[in-house]
Amino acid sequence: MTFFHPSIRHGKSIRLKGHDYTKEAKYYITMTALKREHLFGKVTNGKVILNDIGKTVEKAWRWMGNHYDHLTLDEFVVMPNHMHAIVFFGRDEGGVSRNTPSPKPLGRVIGAFKTVSTKRVNQERGTPGKKLWQEDFWDHIVRNKSDLERIREYIRDNPRKWQIEIDS
């Protein structure tokens, strides 16, 4: 099952028209490094080996999960030139409510993550103002438990499949 290919550029807004991105939902998200550069590490023997930039991106992602009360992080992987993740808005998988009076919509949350991760990477590299991410991100609203399980499996298998694509 293919959910996203980082070489496809959509050009226009790919958000679902009429969907309220502040309401309770589960989202599968993919973000791509600027110019699809392999900035975050490498894949060896089917496992991701993050470099310092990749580790900083991962730490920033975990920070985001602690920073926003209405957000629960699920499965994610930082790949050499992109990142896949599942986030729960409003309730975690166990049904525990995490609603807040005025939650940020998905786009603003992802924007905050990109800002924080970029600033941290630039501080570490001494490259103020340098971009780290493509401008947009891809999202898919997770529709049910079987959809969620397929996406989790895709994320977990992504490093192994990356290695197969590179080796063939």
N, C-alpha and C. Protein backbone atom coordinates (compact mmCIF):
# COMPACT_ATOMS: atom_id res chain seq x y z
N MET A 1 0.85 -1.18 0.00
CA MET A 1 0.00 0.00 0.00
C MET A 1 0.89 1.24 0.00
N THR A 2 0.68 2.16 -0.90
CA THR A 2 1.47 3.37 -0.99
C THR A 2 0.63 4.54 -0.50
N PHE A 3 1.15 5.28 0.47
CA PHE A 3 0.45 6.44 1.00
C PHE A 3 1.02 7.74 0.46
N PHE A 4 2.32 7.79 0.31
CA PHE A 4 2.96 9.05 -0.05
C PHE A 4 4.28 8.75 -0.71
N HIS A 5 4.57 9.51 -1.72
CA HIS A 5 5.89 9.42 -2.34
C HIS A 5 6.48 10.82 -2.31
N PRO A 6 7.65 10.98 -1.64
CA PRO A 6 8.20 12.33 -1.45
C PRO A 6 8.59 13.06 -2.73
N SER A 7 8.63 12.39 -3.87
CA SER A 7 9.01 13.09 -5.10
C SER A 7 7.82 13.76 -5.78
N ILE A 8 6.60 13.51 -5.28
CA ILE A 8 5.41 14.12 -5.89
C ILE A 8 5.14 15.46 -5.21
N ARG A 9 5.05 16.50 -6.00
CA ARG A 9 4.73 17.84 -5.49
C ARG A 9 3.31 18.15 -5.92
N HIS A 10 2.46 18.46 -4.96
CA HIS A 10 1.05 18.64 -5.25
C HIS A 10 0.70 20.02 -5.77
N GLY A 11 1.44 21.06 -5.39
CA GLY A 11 1.25 22.39 -5.95
C GLY A 11 0.15 23.21 -5.33
N LYS A 12 -1.03 22.65 -5.11
CA LYS A 12 -2.12 23.40 -4.49
C LYS A 12 -2.42 22.79 -3.13
N SER A 13 -3.31 23.44 -2.39
CA SER A 13 -3.64 22.93 -1.06
C SER A 13 -4.20 21.52 -1.18
N ILE A 14 -3.67 20.66 -0.35
CA ILE A 14 -4.14 19.28 -0.36
C ILE A 14 -4.95 18.97 0.90
N ARG A 15 -5.30 19.99 1.68
CA ARG A 15 -6.16 19.80 2.84
C ARG A 15 -7.58 19.49 2.35
N LEU A 16 -8.29 18.67 3.09
CA LEU A 16 -9.66 18.28 2.75
C LEU A 16 -10.59 19.47 2.92
N LYS A 17 -11.27 19.84 1.85
CA LYS A 17 -12.18 20.98 1.91
C LYS A 17 -13.30 20.71 2.90
N GLY A 18 -13.57 21.70 3.73
CA GLY A 18 -14.66 21.60 4.68
C GLY A 18 -14.32 20.87 5.98
N HIS A 19 -13.13 20.27 6.07
CA HIS A 19 -12.76 19.55 7.29
C HIS A 19 -12.20 20.54 8.30
N ASP A 20 -12.64 20.42 9.55
CA ASP A 20 -12.14 21.26 10.63
C ASP A 20 -10.92 20.59 11.24
N TYR A 21 -9.75 21.11 10.95
CA TYR A 21 -8.49 20.51 11.39
C TYR A 21 -8.14 20.81 12.84
N THR A 22 -9.12 21.35 13.62
CA THR A 22 -8.92 21.50 15.06
C THR A 22 -9.71 20.44 15.82
N LYS A 23 -10.59 19.73 15.15
CA LYS A 23 -11.47 18.77 15.82
C LYS A 23 -10.81 17.41 16.00
N GLU A 24 -11.40 16.63 16.87
CA GLU A 24 -10.91 15.30 17.19
C GLU A 24 -10.78 14.45 15.93
N ALA A 25 -9.57 13.94 15.69
CA ALA A 25 -9.30 13.08 14.53
C ALA A 25 -7.90 12.50 14.69
N LYS A 26 -7.61 11.50 13.86
CA LYS A 26 -6.27 10.93 13.77
C LYS A 26 -5.74 11.27 12.38
N TYR A 27 -4.50 11.70 12.31
CA TYR A 27 -3.90 12.10 11.04
C TYR A 27 -2.60 11.36 10.80
N TYR A 28 -2.41 10.95 9.56
CA TYR A 28 -1.13 10.43 9.09
C TYR A 28 -0.48 11.58 8.32
N ILE A 29 0.75 11.91 8.68
CA ILE A 29 1.43 13.09 8.13
C ILE A 29 2.77 12.69 7.53
N THR A 30 3.12 13.34 6.43
CA THR A 30 4.46 13.20 5.87
C THR A 30 5.01 14.60 5.58
N MET A 31 6.24 14.83 6.04
CA MET A 31 6.95 16.09 5.79
C MET A 31 8.25 15.75 5.10
N THR A 32 8.66 16.59 4.17
CA THR A 32 9.85 16.30 3.36
C THR A 32 10.91 17.38 3.57
N ALA A 33 12.15 16.93 3.65
CA ALA A 33 13.28 17.86 3.77
C ALA A 33 13.37 18.73 2.52
N LEU A 34 13.88 19.93 2.69
CA LEU A 34 14.05 20.86 1.57
C LEU A 34 14.84 20.19 0.45
N LYS A 35 14.32 20.29 -0.74
CA LYS A 35 14.93 19.73 -1.96
C LYS A 35 15.17 18.22 -1.85
N ARG A 36 14.43 17.59 -0.94
CA ARG A 36 14.52 16.13 -0.72
C ARG A 36 15.95 15.68 -0.38
N GLU A 37 16.72 16.59 0.19
CA GLU A 37 18.10 16.26 0.55
C GLU A 37 18.12 15.25 1.69
N HIS A 38 19.09 14.38 1.68
CA HIS A 38 19.26 13.39 2.74
C HIS A 38 19.99 14.06 3.90
N LEU A 39 19.22 14.77 4.73
CA LEU A 39 19.78 15.58 5.80
C LEU A 39 19.76 14.90 7.16
N PHE A 40 18.92 13.89 7.33
CA PHE A 40 18.63 13.39 8.67
C PHE A 40 19.36 12.11 9.05
N GLY A 41 20.03 11.48 8.11
CA GLY A 41 20.74 10.26 8.43
C GLY A 41 20.76 9.32 7.24
N LYS A 42 20.86 8.03 7.52
CA LYS A 42 20.90 7.03 6.46
C LYS A 42 20.17 5.78 6.92
N VAL A 43 19.93 4.88 5.98
CA VAL A 43 19.33 3.59 6.30
C VAL A 43 20.39 2.53 6.04
N THR A 44 20.63 1.72 7.05
CA THR A 44 21.60 0.64 6.97
C THR A 44 20.95 -0.63 7.50
N ASN A 45 21.02 -1.70 6.70
CA ASN A 45 20.42 -2.98 7.10
C ASN A 45 18.97 -2.83 7.53
N GLY A 46 18.23 -1.99 6.81
CA GLY A 46 16.81 -1.81 7.07
C GLY A 46 16.48 -1.00 8.31
N LYS A 47 17.47 -0.33 8.89
CA LYS A 47 17.24 0.50 10.08
C LYS A 47 17.75 1.92 9.82
N VAL A 48 17.01 2.88 10.35
CA VAL A 48 17.42 4.28 10.21
C VAL A 48 18.49 4.59 11.24
N ILE A 49 19.58 5.16 10.76
CA ILE A 49 20.66 5.65 11.63
C ILE A 49 20.63 7.17 11.52
N LEU A 50 20.09 7.82 12.54
CA LEU A 50 19.97 9.27 12.50
C LEU A 50 21.31 9.92 12.79
N ASN A 51 21.59 10.99 12.03
CA ASN A 51 22.75 11.83 12.35
C ASN A 51 22.30 12.88 13.37
N ASP A 52 23.15 13.85 13.67
CA ASP A 52 22.80 14.86 14.67
C ASP A 52 21.56 15.66 14.27
N ILE A 53 21.44 15.98 12.99
CA ILE A 53 20.26 16.73 12.52
C ILE A 53 19.01 15.88 12.72
N GLY A 54 19.06 14.62 12.32
CA GLY A 54 17.92 13.72 12.49
C GLY A 54 17.53 13.56 13.95
N LYS A 55 18.52 13.46 14.83
CA LYS A 55 18.24 13.35 16.27
C LYS A 55 17.57 14.61 16.80
N THR A 56 18.00 15.76 16.29
CA THR A 56 17.38 17.02 16.69
C THR A 56 15.94 17.09 16.22
N VAL A 57 15.69 16.64 14.99
CA VAL A 57 14.32 16.61 14.46
C VAL A 57 13.45 15.68 15.32
N GLU A 58 13.97 14.52 15.66
CA GLU A 58 13.22 13.58 16.50
C GLU A 58 12.90 14.19 17.87
N LYS A 59 13.88 14.85 18.48
CA LYS A 59 13.66 15.51 19.77
C LYS A 59 12.60 16.60 19.66
N ALA A 60 12.63 17.36 18.57
CA ALA A 60 11.63 18.42 18.37
C ALA A 60 10.24 17.82 18.21
N TRP A 61 10.14 16.67 17.54
CA TRP A 61 8.84 16.00 17.38
C TRP A 61 8.31 15.59 18.75
N ARG A 62 9.16 14.99 19.55
CA ARG A 62 8.73 14.56 20.89
C ARG A 62 8.35 15.77 21.74
N TRP A 63 9.09 16.87 21.61
CA TRP A 63 8.75 18.10 22.32
C TRP A 63 7.33 18.53 21.97
N MET A 64 7.00 18.47 20.68
CA MET A 64 5.69 18.90 20.24
C MET A 64 4.58 18.10 20.93
N GLY A 65 4.80 16.79 21.09
CA GLY A 65 3.81 15.95 21.75
C GLY A 65 3.58 16.35 23.20
N ASN A 66 4.62 16.86 23.84
CA ASN A 66 4.49 17.33 25.23
C ASN A 66 3.97 18.75 25.31
N HIS A 67 4.19 19.54 24.27
CA HIS A 67 3.84 20.96 24.29
C HIS A 67 2.35 21.22 24.06
N TYR A 68 1.71 20.44 23.22
CA TYR A 68 0.31 20.67 22.87
C TYR A 68 -0.59 19.67 23.60
N ASP A 69 -1.46 20.21 24.46
CA ASP A 69 -2.33 19.36 25.28
C ASP A 69 -3.33 18.56 24.46
N HIS A 70 -3.72 19.05 23.30
CA HIS A 70 -4.74 18.37 22.51
C HIS A 70 -4.15 17.34 21.54
N LEU A 71 -2.87 17.07 21.65
CA LEU A 71 -2.17 16.23 20.68
C LEU A 71 -1.53 15.03 21.37
N THR A 72 -1.68 13.86 20.75
CA THR A 72 -0.99 12.65 21.21
C THR A 72 -0.21 12.10 20.03
N LEU A 73 1.08 11.87 20.23
CA LEU A 73 1.91 11.29 19.18
C LEU A 73 1.74 9.78 19.17
N ASP A 74 1.74 9.20 17.99
CA ASP A 74 1.67 7.76 17.82
C ASP A 74 2.94 7.34 17.07
N GLU A 75 2.84 6.36 16.22
CA GLU A 75 3.98 5.84 15.45
C GLU A 75 4.58 6.96 14.60
N PHE A 76 5.93 6.99 14.52
CA PHE A 76 6.60 7.92 13.61
C PHE A 76 7.98 7.39 13.27
N VAL A 77 8.51 7.90 12.16
CA VAL A 77 9.88 7.57 11.77
C VAL A 77 10.48 8.77 11.04
N VAL A 78 11.70 9.11 11.43
CA VAL A 78 12.47 10.12 10.71
C VAL A 78 13.34 9.35 9.72
N MET A 79 13.14 9.59 8.44
CA MET A 79 13.89 8.93 7.37
C MET A 79 15.00 9.88 6.89
N PRO A 80 15.87 9.45 5.99
CA PRO A 80 16.96 10.34 5.55
C PRO A 80 16.49 11.67 4.96
N ASN A 81 15.35 11.70 4.26
CA ASN A 81 14.92 12.96 3.65
C ASN A 81 13.45 13.30 3.88
N HIS A 82 12.81 12.58 4.78
CA HIS A 82 11.41 12.88 5.11
C HIS A 82 11.06 12.26 6.45
N MET A 83 9.83 12.54 6.88
CA MET A 83 9.35 12.02 8.15
C MET A 83 7.90 11.61 8.00
N HIS A 84 7.55 10.45 8.52
CA HIS A 84 6.17 9.97 8.59
C HIS A 84 5.74 9.96 10.05
N ALA A 85 4.48 10.30 10.31
CA ALA A 85 4.00 10.30 11.69
C ALA A 85 2.48 10.16 11.73
N ILE A 86 2.00 9.64 12.83
CA ILE A 86 0.57 9.62 13.14
C ILE A 86 0.38 10.46 14.39
N VAL A 87 -0.61 11.36 14.35
CA VAL A 87 -0.96 12.16 15.52
C VAL A 87 -2.45 12.04 15.77
N PHE A 88 -2.80 12.03 17.05
CA PHE A 88 -4.20 12.02 17.46
C PHE A 88 -4.54 13.40 17.98
N PHE A 89 -5.60 13.98 17.47
CA PHE A 89 -6.11 15.26 17.97
C PHE A 89 -7.31 14.95 18.86
N GLY A 90 -7.35 15.51 20.05
CA GLY A 90 -8.53 15.40 20.90
C GLY A 90 -8.55 14.22 21.83
N ARG A 91 -8.36 13.02 21.33
CA ARG A 91 -8.35 11.81 22.16
C ARG A 91 -7.22 10.91 21.71
N ASP A 92 -6.60 10.24 22.68
CA ASP A 92 -5.59 9.26 22.29
C ASP A 92 -6.29 7.96 21.91
N GLU A 93 -5.53 6.97 21.52
CA GLU A 93 -6.11 5.72 21.05
C GLU A 93 -6.95 5.04 22.12
N GLY A 94 -6.61 5.23 23.38
CA GLY A 94 -7.36 4.63 24.48
C GLY A 94 -8.64 5.38 24.81
N GLY A 95 -8.92 6.47 24.08
CA GLY A 95 -10.15 7.22 24.30
C GLY A 95 -10.04 8.31 25.35
N VAL A 96 -8.83 8.53 25.86
CA VAL A 96 -8.64 9.57 26.87
C VAL A 96 -8.71 10.93 26.19
N SER A 97 -9.59 11.80 26.71
CA SER A 97 -9.78 13.12 26.12
C SER A 97 -8.58 14.00 26.40
N ARG A 98 -8.14 14.72 25.37
CA ARG A 98 -7.05 15.69 25.48
C ARG A 98 -7.49 17.00 24.85
N ASN A 99 -8.77 17.30 24.95
CA ASN A 99 -9.29 18.53 24.35
C ASN A 99 -8.86 19.75 25.16
N THR A 100 -8.64 20.84 24.47
CA THR A 100 -8.33 22.11 25.10
C THR A 100 -9.32 23.12 24.55
N PRO A 101 -9.50 24.25 25.25
CA PRO A 101 -10.51 25.22 24.81
C PRO A 101 -10.35 25.72 23.38
N SER A 102 -9.13 26.01 22.95
CA SER A 102 -8.94 26.49 21.58
C SER A 102 -7.67 25.87 20.99
N PRO A 103 -7.78 24.62 20.54
CA PRO A 103 -6.58 23.95 20.00
C PRO A 103 -6.14 24.55 18.68
N LYS A 104 -4.83 24.50 18.45
CA LYS A 104 -4.30 24.93 17.16
C LYS A 104 -4.69 23.90 16.10
N PRO A 105 -5.00 24.35 14.89
CA PRO A 105 -5.28 23.39 13.82
C PRO A 105 -4.01 22.65 13.40
N LEU A 106 -4.19 21.55 12.72
CA LEU A 106 -3.08 20.70 12.30
C LEU A 106 -1.98 21.49 11.59
N GLY A 107 -2.35 22.34 10.65
CA GLY A 107 -1.36 23.10 9.89
C GLY A 107 -0.49 23.98 10.76
N ARG A 108 -1.08 24.59 11.78
CA ARG A 108 -0.31 25.45 12.68
C ARG A 108 0.58 24.63 13.60
N VAL A 109 0.10 23.45 14.00
CA VAL A 109 0.93 22.57 14.83
C VAL A 109 2.15 22.10 14.05
N ILE A 110 1.93 21.66 12.80
CA ILE A 110 3.04 21.21 11.97
C ILE A 110 3.98 22.38 11.67
N GLY A 111 3.41 23.55 11.44
CA GLY A 111 4.24 24.75 11.23
C GLY A 111 5.11 25.05 12.45
N ALA A 112 4.55 24.90 13.64
CA ALA A 112 5.32 25.12 14.87
C ALA A 112 6.45 24.10 14.98
N PHE A 113 6.14 22.83 14.67
CA PHE A 113 7.18 21.80 14.70
C PHE A 113 8.31 22.13 13.73
N LYS A 114 7.95 22.52 12.52
CA LYS A 114 8.98 22.84 11.53
C LYS A 114 9.82 24.03 11.98
N THR A 115 9.19 25.03 12.57
CA THR A 115 9.91 26.20 13.06
C THR A 115 10.87 25.81 14.17
N VAL A 116 10.37 25.07 15.15
CA VAL A 116 11.21 24.67 16.29
C VAL A 116 12.36 23.78 15.84
N SER A 117 12.07 22.78 15.01
CA SER A 117 13.13 21.87 14.57
C SER A 117 14.17 22.61 13.72
N THR A 118 13.71 23.50 12.85
CA THR A 118 14.63 24.27 12.01
C THR A 118 15.52 25.17 12.85
N LYS A 119 14.93 25.88 13.82
CA LYS A 119 15.73 26.76 14.68
C LYS A 119 16.77 25.97 15.46
N ARG A 120 16.38 24.82 15.99
CA ARG A 120 17.33 24.01 16.77
C ARG A 120 18.46 23.48 15.88
N VAL A 121 18.12 23.02 14.70
CA VAL A 121 19.15 22.52 13.77
C VAL A 121 20.08 23.65 13.39
N ASN A 122 19.53 24.81 13.06
CA ASN A 122 20.36 25.94 12.66
C ASN A 122 21.26 26.43 13.80
N GLN A 123 20.77 26.36 15.04
CA GLN A 123 21.62 26.72 16.18
C GLN A 123 22.80 25.76 16.28
N GLU A 124 22.52 24.48 16.12
CA GLU A 124 23.58 23.47 16.23
C GLU A 124 24.59 23.58 15.09
N ARG A 125 24.12 23.91 13.88
CA ARG A 125 25.01 23.99 12.72
C ARG A 125 25.63 25.37 12.54
N GLY A 126 25.12 26.37 13.25
CA GLY A 126 25.59 27.74 13.05
C GLY A 126 25.16 28.29 11.69
N THR A 127 23.91 27.96 11.28
CA THR A 127 23.40 28.38 9.97
C THR A 127 22.06 29.11 10.15
N PRO A 128 22.07 30.28 10.81
CA PRO A 128 20.81 30.97 11.06
C PRO A 128 20.06 31.29 9.76
N GLY A 129 18.76 31.06 9.79
CA GLY A 129 17.91 31.38 8.64
C GLY A 129 17.86 30.34 7.55
N LYS A 130 18.63 29.28 7.65
CA LYS A 130 18.63 28.26 6.59
C LYS A 130 17.37 27.40 6.72
N LYS A 131 16.73 27.12 5.58
CA LYS A 131 15.52 26.30 5.58
C LYS A 131 15.88 24.82 5.72
N LEU A 132 14.98 24.08 6.35
CA LEU A 132 15.18 22.66 6.58
C LEU A 132 14.11 21.82 5.86
N TRP A 133 12.88 22.35 5.75
CA TRP A 133 11.73 21.59 5.27
C TRP A 133 11.14 22.17 4.00
N GLN A 134 10.50 21.31 3.21
CA GLN A 134 9.62 21.78 2.13
C GLN A 134 8.50 22.58 2.80
N GLU A 135 7.87 23.46 2.04
CA GLU A 135 6.86 24.34 2.64
C GLU A 135 5.62 23.61 3.14
N ASP A 136 5.12 22.66 2.42
CA ASP A 136 3.85 22.04 2.77
C ASP A 136 4.09 20.70 3.46
N PHE A 137 3.04 20.00 3.74
CA PHE A 137 3.11 18.64 4.24
C PHE A 137 1.90 17.89 3.70
N TRP A 138 1.98 16.59 3.72
CA TRP A 138 0.90 15.76 3.22
C TRP A 138 0.18 15.17 4.43
N ASP A 139 -1.16 15.12 4.38
CA ASP A 139 -1.89 14.49 5.47
C ASP A 139 -2.99 13.58 4.94
N HIS A 140 -3.35 12.62 5.75
CA HIS A 140 -4.42 11.68 5.47
C HIS A 140 -5.20 11.52 6.77
N ILE A 141 -6.51 11.70 6.73
CA ILE A 141 -7.34 11.50 7.91
C ILE A 141 -7.53 9.99 8.08
N VAL A 142 -7.12 9.48 9.23
CA VAL A 142 -7.24 8.06 9.51
C VAL A 142 -8.71 7.77 9.78
N ARG A 143 -9.26 6.84 9.01
CA ARG A 143 -10.71 6.62 9.04
C ARG A 143 -11.20 5.58 10.03
N ASN A 144 -10.39 4.56 10.31
CA ASN A 144 -10.84 3.50 11.22
C ASN A 144 -9.62 2.74 11.73
N LYS A 145 -9.88 1.74 12.57
CA LYS A 145 -8.79 0.99 13.20
C LYS A 145 -7.94 0.23 12.19
N SER A 146 -8.57 -0.36 11.16
CA SER A 146 -7.77 -1.10 10.17
C SER A 146 -6.90 -0.14 9.36
N ASP A 147 -7.41 1.05 9.05
CA ASP A 147 -6.62 2.08 8.37
C ASP A 147 -5.43 2.46 9.25
N LEU A 148 -5.67 2.67 10.54
CA LEU A 148 -4.62 3.02 11.48
C LEU A 148 -3.54 1.93 11.52
N GLU A 149 -3.95 0.68 11.58
CA GLU A 149 -2.98 -0.43 11.64
C GLU A 149 -2.16 -0.53 10.35
N ARG A 150 -2.80 -0.32 9.20
CA ARG A 150 -2.06 -0.34 7.91
C ARG A 150 -1.02 0.77 7.87
N ILE A 151 -1.39 1.94 8.34
CA ILE A 151 -0.46 3.07 8.33
C ILE A 151 0.70 2.84 9.30
N ARG A 152 0.39 2.32 10.48
CA ARG A 152 1.45 2.00 11.43
C ARG A 152 2.44 1.01 10.82
N GLU A 153 1.92 0.01 10.17
CA GLU A 153 2.79 -0.99 9.53
C GLU A 153 3.64 -0.35 8.44
N TYR A 154 3.03 0.53 7.65
CA TYR A 154 3.76 1.24 6.60
C TYR A 154 4.92 2.04 7.19
N ILE A 155 4.65 2.75 8.29
CA ILE A 155 5.68 3.55 8.94
C ILE A 155 6.80 2.66 9.47
N ARG A 156 6.43 1.58 10.16
CA ARG A 156 7.45 0.66 10.71
C ARG A 156 8.28 0.02 9.60
N ASP A 157 7.65 -0.30 8.45
CA ASP A 157 8.35 -0.96 7.35
C ASP A 157 9.12 0.00 6.45
N ASN A 158 8.91 1.29 6.61
CA ASN A 158 9.51 2.25 5.70
C ASN A 158 11.02 2.14 5.60
N PRO A 159 11.76 2.00 6.70
CA PRO A 159 13.22 1.87 6.58
C PRO A 159 13.64 0.62 5.79
N ARG A 160 12.98 -0.49 6.02
CA ARG A 160 13.32 -1.72 5.29
C ARG A 160 13.02 -1.57 3.81
N LYS A 161 11.88 -0.98 3.48
CA LYS A 161 11.51 -0.78 2.08
C LYS A 161 12.43 0.24 1.41
N TRP A 162 12.87 1.24 2.16
CA TRP A 162 13.82 2.23 1.64
C TRP A 162 15.09 1.52 1.21
N GLN A 163 15.58 0.63 2.05
CA GLN A 163 16.80 -0.12 1.76
C GLN A 163 16.63 -0.97 0.51
N ILE A 164 15.48 -1.60 0.36
CA ILE A 164 15.21 -2.43 -0.81
C ILE A 164 15.22 -1.57 -2.08
N GLU A 165 14.59 -0.37 -2.01
CA GLU A 165 14.56 0.53 -3.17
C GLU A 165 15.97 1.01 -3.53
N ILE A 166 16.77 1.32 -2.53
CA ILE A 166 18.13 1.80 -2.77
C ILE A 166 18.99 0.68 -3.37
N ASP A 167 18.81 -0.54 -2.87
CA ASP A 167 19.63 -1.67 -3.32
C ASP A 167 19.23 -2.22 -4.69
N SER A 168 18.02 -1.89 -5.16
CA SER A 168 17.59 -2.48 -6.44
C SER A 168 17.89 -1.59 -7.62
